[in-house]
Amino acid sequence: MDRTLCFSKTTAGLAEIQERTRGLPLKLRQMLIMVDGSKTIADLEQFLPVSELETRLTALHEQGLIELNGHAGIPASTPAAAAPPAQATAPTATDTAGIVRPAGLPSAGSLAQTRLILAMCSQQYLDDALDTMLIDLFDNLSGPDDLKFCIDTWYKRMQAAGFGHIADSHLPQIRAMLR
């Protein structure tokens, strides 16, 4: 599988995140959550072995939950896959992989690892209460304030649900990744 390929959620994939109508197995659901239209196969490889990654992506694609978005930095040829134009007022930075992101945010890899921790805690301890925030805000961060809001919200929800000790155990790892 080409390591520069990117996948994005289809309308059906976005609906599945919200409604859980298909009863996806846990590992497929986690993969669906991680697919965001900007992570390449190479980005996703840091979370699981290539063979498992290919199997999960293929299964999600065959179910119509994700679609090929193109190669890193190169949109697919279909007009529907074209990304909306970036805001002219938002300063940007380019990381070593050539991924453009708002200035002040950590690398794409650090963000992906942080998102994974938040998503897994949301799923395991909060009955996916943070899914909407992760999809609507975290996956479209406009700057450091959005990132801080997401982490603060996660932390407060974990505390309120009685899992503050687990949030406390993850916080040093998150801080280290975001430096």
C-alpha atoms as a PDB file:
ATOM      1  CA  MET A   1       0.000   0.000   0.000  1.00  0.00           C
ATOM      2  CA  ASP A   2       1.339   3.422  -0.959  1.00  0.00           C
ATOM      3  CA  ARG A   3       2.466   5.131   2.260  1.00  0.00           C
ATOM      4  CA  THR A   4       1.496   8.587   0.933  1.00  0.00           C
ATOM      5  CA  LEU A   5      -2.183   7.698   0.504  1.00  0.00           C
ATOM      6  CA  CYS A   6      -4.726   9.604   2.582  1.00  0.00           C
ATOM      7  CA  PHE A   7      -8.246   8.507   3.428  1.00  0.00           C
ATOM      8  CA  SER A   8     -11.173  10.540   4.702  1.00  0.00           C
ATOM      9  CA  LYS A   9     -14.507   9.584   6.226  1.00  0.00           C
ATOM     10  CA  THR A  10     -17.497   9.378   3.910  1.00  0.00           C
ATOM     11  CA  THR A  11     -20.897  10.687   4.935  1.00  0.00           C
ATOM     12  CA  ALA A  12     -21.687   7.135   6.037  1.00  0.00           C
ATOM     13  CA  GLY A  13     -18.453   7.066   8.077  1.00  0.00           C
ATOM     14  CA  LEU A  14     -19.288  10.319   9.834  1.00  0.00           C
ATOM     15  CA  ALA A  15     -22.789   9.010  10.565  1.00  0.00           C
ATOM     16  CA  GLU A  16     -21.342   5.774  11.964  1.00  0.00           C
ATOM     17  CA  ILE A  17     -19.164   7.718  14.396  1.00  0.00           C
ATOM     18  CA  GLN A  18     -22.233   9.518  15.723  1.00  0.00           C
ATOM     19  CA  GLU A  19     -24.884   6.793  15.560  1.00  0.00           C
ATOM     20  CA  ARG A  20     -23.044   3.442  15.885  1.00  0.00           C
ATOM     21  CA  THR A  21     -25.633   1.693  13.705  1.00  0.00           C
ATOM     22  CA  ARG A  22     -23.275  -0.879  12.164  1.00  0.00           C
ATOM     23  CA  GLY A  23     -21.870  -2.291  15.384  1.00  0.00           C
ATOM     24  CA  LEU A  24     -18.268  -1.993  14.221  1.00  0.00           C
ATOM     25  CA  PRO A  25     -15.729  -3.992  16.191  1.00  0.00           C
ATOM     26  CA  LEU A  26     -13.674  -1.835  18.563  1.00  0.00           C
ATOM     27  CA  LYS A  27     -10.501  -1.873  16.463  1.00  0.00           C
ATOM     28  CA  LEU A  28     -12.337  -0.888  13.265  1.00  0.00           C
ATOM     29  CA  ARG A  29     -14.123   1.920  15.090  1.00  0.00           C
ATOM     30  CA  GLN A  30     -10.810   3.207  16.452  1.00  0.00           C
ATOM     31  CA  MET A  31      -9.371   3.190  12.921  1.00  0.00           C
ATOM     32  CA  LEU A  32     -12.438   5.026  11.588  1.00  0.00           C
ATOM     33  CA  ILE A  33     -11.980   7.673  14.277  1.00  0.00           C
ATOM     34  CA  MET A  34      -8.279   8.098  13.371  1.00  0.00           C
ATOM     35  CA  VAL A  35      -8.951   8.550   9.639  1.00  0.00           C
ATOM     36  CA  ASP A  36      -9.237  12.314   9.190  1.00  0.00           C
ATOM     37  CA  GLY A  37      -8.397  13.131   5.584  1.00  0.00           C
ATOM     38  CA  SER A  38      -4.919  14.405   6.379  1.00  0.00           C
ATOM     39  CA  LYS A  39      -3.101  11.467   7.972  1.00  0.00           C
ATOM     40  CA  THR A  40      -1.200   9.363   5.472  1.00  0.00           C
ATOM     41  CA  ILE A  41      -0.652   5.620   5.679  1.00  0.00           C
ATOM     42  CA  ALA A  42       2.826   6.475   6.983  1.00  0.00           C
ATOM     43  CA  ASP A  43       1.275   8.562   9.795  1.00  0.00           C
ATOM     44  CA  LEU A  44      -1.088   5.730  10.764  1.00  0.00           C
ATOM     45  CA  GLU A  45       1.691   3.103  10.710  1.00  0.00           C
ATOM     46  CA  GLN A  46       3.023   4.458  13.996  1.00  0.00           C
ATOM     47  CA  PHE A  47      -0.077   3.091  15.752  1.00  0.00           C
ATOM     48  CA  LEU A  48      -0.152  -0.511  14.473  1.00  0.00           C
ATOM     49  CA  PRO A  49       1.618  -2.970  12.166  1.00  0.00           C
ATOM     50  CA  VAL A  50       1.256  -2.405   8.424  1.00  0.00           C
ATOM     51  CA  SER A  51      -0.625  -5.671   7.820  1.00  0.00           C
ATOM     52  CA  GLU A  52      -3.273  -4.806  10.432  1.00  0.00           C
ATOM     53  CA  LEU A  53      -3.484  -1.238   9.143  1.00  0.00           C
ATOM     54  CA  GLU A  54      -4.098  -2.425   5.580  1.00  0.00           C
ATOM     55  CA  THR A  55      -6.713  -4.947   6.749  1.00  0.00           C
ATOM     56  CA  ARG A  56      -8.623  -2.341   8.754  1.00  0.00           C
ATOM     57  CA  LEU A  57      -8.463   0.353   6.084  1.00  0.00           C
ATOM     58  CA  THR A  58      -9.598  -2.137   3.445  1.00  0.00           C
ATOM     59  CA  ALA A  59     -12.535  -3.248   5.609  1.00  0.00           C
ATOM     60  CA  LEU A  60     -13.625   0.354   6.241  1.00  0.00           C
ATOM     61  CA  HIS A  61     -13.256   1.201   2.542  1.00  0.00           C
ATOM     62  CA  GLU A  62     -15.266  -1.847   1.464  1.00  0.00           C
ATOM     63  CA  GLN A  63     -18.051  -0.855   3.867  1.00  0.00           C
ATOM     64  CA  GLY A  64     -18.138   2.628   2.337  1.00  0.00           C
ATOM     65  CA  LEU A  65     -17.060   4.350   5.558  1.00  0.00           C
ATOM     66  CA  ILE A  66     -13.835   5.855   4.181  1.00  0.00           C
ATOM     67  CA  GLU A  67     -12.699   6.943   0.746  1.00  0.00           C
ATOM     68  CA  LEU A  68      -9.399   7.648  -0.907  1.00  0.00           C
ATOM     69  CA  ASN A  69      -8.549  11.295  -0.454  1.00  0.00           C
ATOM     70  CA  GLY A  70      -5.409  11.283  -2.638  1.00  0.00           C
ATOM     71  CA  HIS A  71      -1.742  11.422  -1.767  1.00  0.00           C
ATOM     72  CA  ALA A  72      -0.198  13.633   0.886  1.00  0.00           C
ATOM     73  CA  GLY A  73      -0.540  17.153  -0.429  1.00  0.00           C
ATOM     74  CA  ILE A  74      -2.172  15.957  -3.670  1.00  0.00           C
ATOM     75  CA  PRO A  75      -5.968  15.779  -3.616  1.00  0.00           C
ATOM     76  CA  ALA A  76      -7.797  12.987  -5.388  1.00  0.00           C
ATOM     77  CA  SER A  77      -8.897  13.895  -8.902  1.00  0.00           C
ATOM     78  CA  THR A  78     -12.585  14.052  -8.004  1.00  0.00           C
ATOM     79  CA  PRO A  79     -13.874  17.560  -7.238  1.00  0.00           C
ATOM     80  CA  ALA A  80     -15.745  16.288  -4.155  1.00  0.00           C
ATOM     81  CA  ALA A  81     -12.453  15.381  -2.487  1.00  0.00           C
ATOM     82  CA  ALA A  82     -10.936  18.845  -2.871  1.00  0.00           C
ATOM     83  CA  ALA A  83     -10.216  20.541   0.436  1.00  0.00           C
ATOM     84  CA  PRO A  84     -11.789  23.908   1.190  1.00  0.00           C
ATOM     85  CA  PRO A  85      -9.442  26.874   0.844  1.00  0.00           C
ATOM     86  CA  ALA A  86      -7.447  27.755   3.953  1.00  0.00           C
ATOM     87  CA  GLN A  87      -8.365  30.848   5.923  1.00  0.00           C
ATOM     88  CA  ALA A  88      -6.266  33.754   4.781  1.00  0.00           C
ATOM     89  CA  THR A  89      -5.868  35.166   8.292  1.00  0.00           C
ATOM     90  CA  ALA A  90      -4.569  32.013  10.018  1.00  0.00           C
ATOM     91  CA  PRO A  91      -0.765  31.811  10.144  1.00  0.00           C
ATOM     92  CA  THR A  92       0.564  28.401   9.198  1.00  0.00           C
ATOM     93  CA  ALA A  93       3.661  26.268   9.650  1.00  0.00           C
ATOM     94  CA  THR A  94       4.914  23.302   7.656  1.00  0.00           C
ATOM     95  CA  ASP A  95       6.359  20.302   9.489  1.00  0.00           C
ATOM     96  CA  THR A  96       9.046  17.961   8.184  1.00  0.00           C
ATOM     97  CA  ALA A  97       6.455  15.818   6.382  1.00  0.00           C
ATOM     98  CA  GLY A  98       5.299  18.877   4.429  1.00  0.00           C
ATOM     99  CA  ILE A  99       1.955  19.014   6.245  1.00  0.00           C
ATOM    100  CA  VAL A 100       0.671  22.556   6.674  1.00  0.00           C
ATOM    101  CA  ARG A 101      -0.945  23.281  10.028  1.00  0.00           C
ATOM    102  CA  PRO A 102      -1.816  26.420  12.000  1.00  0.00           C
ATOM    103  CA  ALA A 103       1.223  28.035  13.622  1.00  0.00           C
ATOM    104  CA  GLY A 104       1.787  27.187  17.259  1.00  0.00           C
ATOM    105  CA  LEU A 105       0.597  23.584  17.005  1.00  0.00           C
ATOM    106  CA  PRO A 106       2.911  20.595  17.516  1.00  0.00           C
ATOM    107  CA  SER A 107       3.792  18.122  14.750  1.00  0.00           C
ATOM    108  CA  ALA A 108       1.141  16.001  13.054  1.00  0.00           C
ATOM    109  CA  GLY A 109       2.571  12.886  14.735  1.00  0.00           C
ATOM    110  CA  SER A 110       2.311  14.435  18.211  1.00  0.00           C
ATOM    111  CA  LEU A 111      -1.230  15.570  17.520  1.00  0.00           C
ATOM    112  CA  ALA A 112      -2.168  12.107  16.238  1.00  0.00           C
ATOM    113  CA  GLN A 113      -0.802  10.426  19.366  1.00  0.00           C
ATOM    114  CA  THR A 114      -2.590  12.926  21.601  1.00  0.00           C
ATOM    115  CA  ARG A 115      -5.842  12.419  19.707  1.00  0.00           C
ATOM    116  CA  LEU A 116      -5.491   8.662  20.083  1.00  0.00           C
ATOM    117  CA  ILE A 117      -5.180   8.969  23.866  1.00  0.00           C
ATOM    118  CA  LEU A 118      -8.219  11.252  24.065  1.00  0.00           C
ATOM    119  CA  ALA A 119     -10.268   8.997  21.767  1.00  0.00           C
ATOM    120  CA  MET A 120      -9.358   5.820  23.618  1.00  0.00           C
ATOM    121  CA  CYS A 121     -10.212   7.387  26.995  1.00  0.00           C
ATOM    122  CA  SER A 122     -13.467   8.714  25.570  1.00  0.00           C
ATOM    123  CA  GLN A 123     -14.367   5.283  24.315  1.00  0.00           C
ATOM    124  CA  GLN A 124     -13.251   3.289  27.338  1.00  0.00           C
ATOM    125  CA  TYR A 125     -14.298   5.566  30.187  1.00  0.00           C
ATOM    126  CA  LEU A 126     -16.739   8.190  28.865  1.00  0.00           C
ATOM    127  CA  ASP A 127     -19.056   6.226  26.551  1.00  0.00           C
ATOM    128  CA  ASP A 128     -17.661   8.163  23.567  1.00  0.00           C
ATOM    129  CA  ALA A 129     -18.847  11.467  25.027  1.00  0.00           C
ATOM    130  CA  LEU A 130     -15.949  13.282  23.355  1.00  0.00           C
ATOM    131  CA  ASP A 131     -16.430  11.940  19.813  1.00  0.00           C
ATOM    132  CA  THR A 132     -18.153  15.084  18.555  1.00  0.00           C
ATOM    133  CA  MET A 133     -15.477  17.337  20.035  1.00  0.00           C
ATOM    134  CA  LEU A 134     -12.710  15.192  18.542  1.00  0.00           C
ATOM    135  CA  ILE A 135     -14.279  15.163  15.092  1.00  0.00           C
ATOM    136  CA  ASP A 136     -15.527  18.749  14.972  1.00  0.00           C
ATOM    137  CA  LEU A 137     -12.773  20.543  16.861  1.00  0.00           C
ATOM    138  CA  PHE A 138      -9.645  18.431  17.372  1.00  0.00           C
ATOM    139  CA  ASP A 139      -9.567  17.261  13.748  1.00  0.00           C
ATOM    140  CA  ASN A 140      -9.822  20.898  12.620  1.00  0.00           C
ATOM    141  CA  LEU A 141      -7.633  22.718  15.132  1.00  0.00           C
ATOM    142  CA  SER A 142      -7.154  26.376  14.288  1.00  0.00           C
ATOM    143  CA  GLY A 143      -4.485  27.017  16.890  1.00  0.00           C
ATOM    144  CA  PRO A 144      -3.079  26.266  20.336  1.00  0.00           C
ATOM    145  CA  ASP A 145      -6.206  27.572  22.102  1.00  0.00           C
ATOM    146  CA  ASP A 146      -8.360  24.912  20.402  1.00  0.00           C
ATOM    147  CA  LEU A 147      -5.873  22.218  21.432  1.00  0.00           C
ATOM    148  CA  LYS A 148      -5.836  23.468  25.037  1.00  0.00           C
ATOM    149  CA  PHE A 149      -9.652  23.506  25.083  1.00  0.00           C
ATOM    150  CA  CYS A 150      -9.800  19.881  23.871  1.00  0.00           C
ATOM    151  CA  ILE A 151      -7.310  18.662  26.463  1.00  0.00           C
ATOM    152  CA  ASP A 152      -8.981  20.655  29.262  1.00  0.00           C
ATOM    153  CA  THR A 153     -12.400  19.292  28.286  1.00  0.00           C
ATOM    154  CA  TRP A 154     -11.055  15.720  28.238  1.00  0.00           C
ATOM    155  CA  TYR A 155      -9.393  16.184  31.616  1.00  0.00           C
ATOM    156  CA  LYS A 156     -12.487  17.718  33.243  1.00  0.00           C
ATOM    157  CA  ARG A 157     -14.770  14.999  31.847  1.00  0.00           C
ATOM    158  CA  MET A 158     -12.432  12.272  33.093  1.00  0.00           C
ATOM    159  CA  GLN A 159     -12.344  13.907  36.556  1.00  0.00           C
ATOM    160  CA  ALA A 160     -16.136  14.276  36.651  1.00  0.00           C
ATOM    161  CA  ALA A 161     -16.621  10.618  35.671  1.00  0.00           C
ATOM    162  CA  GLY A 162     -14.377   9.439  38.500  1.00  0.00           C
ATOM    163  CA  PHE A 163     -11.392   8.600  36.295  1.00  0.00           C
ATOM    164  CA  GLY A 164      -9.160  11.489  37.290  1.00  0.00           C
ATOM    165  CA  HIS A 165      -6.364   9.101  38.270  1.00  0.00           C
ATOM    166  CA  ILE A 166      -6.320   7.757  34.711  1.00  0.00           C
ATOM    167  CA  ALA A 167      -6.302  11.259  33.227  1.00  0.00           C
ATOM    168  CA  ASP A 168      -3.473  12.140  35.619  1.00  0.00           C
ATOM    169  CA  SER A 169      -1.487   9.128  34.386  1.00  0.00           C
ATOM    170  CA  HIS A 170      -1.882  10.190  30.736  1.00  0.00           C
ATOM    171  CA  LEU A 171      -1.248  13.908  31.237  1.00  0.00           C
ATOM    172  CA  PRO A 172       2.571  13.729  31.502  1.00  0.00           C
ATOM    173  CA  GLN A 173       2.693  11.703  28.259  1.00  0.00           C
ATOM    174  CA  ILE A 174       0.462  14.258  26.492  1.00  0.00           C
ATOM    175  CA  ARG A 175       2.556  17.164  27.784  1.00  0.00           C
ATOM    176  CA  ALA A 176       5.775  15.485  26.618  1.00  0.00           C
ATOM    177  CA  MET A 177       4.368  14.901  23.127  1.00  0.00           C
ATOM    178  CA  LEU A 178       3.144  18.465  22.778  1.00  0.00           C
ATOM    179  CA  ARG A 179       6.424  20.177  23.723  1.00  0.00           C
END
